[in-house]
Amino acid sequence: MLLKDLAEEFLFNCQCRKLSEKTVHNYRLQVGYLLDYLSQEHEVTELEKVKPQMIKQYMVSMQKKGRKAQYINDLLKAFKCFFKYLYEEEYIDELITERIKNLKEPKVIIQTFSNDEVQRMINYYSKHDYLTIRNKTILCMLFDTGIRLNELITLTEDKIFNDYILIHGKGDKERVVTKSPYLSKCLFKYNIVKNGYFENKTKKYANVFLSRNGLPLTHESIEIIVKEAAKACDVDSGVRCSPHTCRHTYAQMQLKNGLDIYSLSRLMGHESISITQRYLEGIRNTDVIKAGTKTSPLMNL
């Protein structure tokens, strides 16, 4: 059977499983890269002619082009999903990608915002107009809940309760995150200003955060809000100023403040605790020493 036809069937199945549009879009691109390679380099367009060695050769070609191990592993993940579907549908008798291993990824320690930088970034948005108060509330939401960028954009008003927020996360899963009194105060003030701003304007969307025209925010607009505050506050040059770094900062602050890793894993919506453990790697030695001294067995007798 033609690979391109099977790829379309696979993508249709992903949509039926209600995977996110972003995930389906990425699968379309990633599987497409492999099919183009098989066609151009091996003249293979039919499933029956695909060999594991060809996929390995494609991975090697990506390495030679300077692609990072994480990027190549993401591609392989998509390929494995594709061929697993074909195997389950009995288009093939064996799982082609079963013995293809991921590349070893170097450990990357992500620099996070310091406590002082977080405070200064939040205080940067200090005016009283709608957009400024919205931007400050967005920063507070990012740092106080560890919410993902897409989760923040799609968050609706009916998901915010007195002391918690119900987040619709990856894989169509919902989770509960705590909402501090500080964030509650910010949201209360924001809602008053928001209601006044849109009182005589059309507001078709129930998203918590809206543009000046009442539209849901884009990924780029949130990125700009974080980067503008970071630049104005002269954040350390080693820190990647992005919403995802806010999420990393949240995780490390929670761990340093004493939250156990199991609870943090649930709050962040991770499928496995092994994912959460990566955030431990970025904690500085000085913080580890301070925490170790605080919890010393002899000092707590």
Foldseek 3Di string as FASTA:
>chain_A
DFPVVLLVVLLVVCVVLVADPVVSVVLVVLVVVLQVQCCPVVVDGDPVPDALVSLVVVLVVCVVVVDALVVSQVSLVSVQSSQVVCVVVVVDVDRRCPPPDGDDHDQDQADAFDPVLLVQLLCVLPDQALVSLLLSLLSCCLQQQLDDLVQLLQAFPVQDDDFWGWTQDGSRDIAITTADPVSVVSLVSNVVNVCVLCVVADADDRRSDADSNNHGDDLVVNQCSQVVSCVVSVTDPSHDRGSNSSSLNNLLVCVLVPDDLVVSCRSNVHPDSVVSVSSVVNDDPVSVVVVCVVVPPVVVD
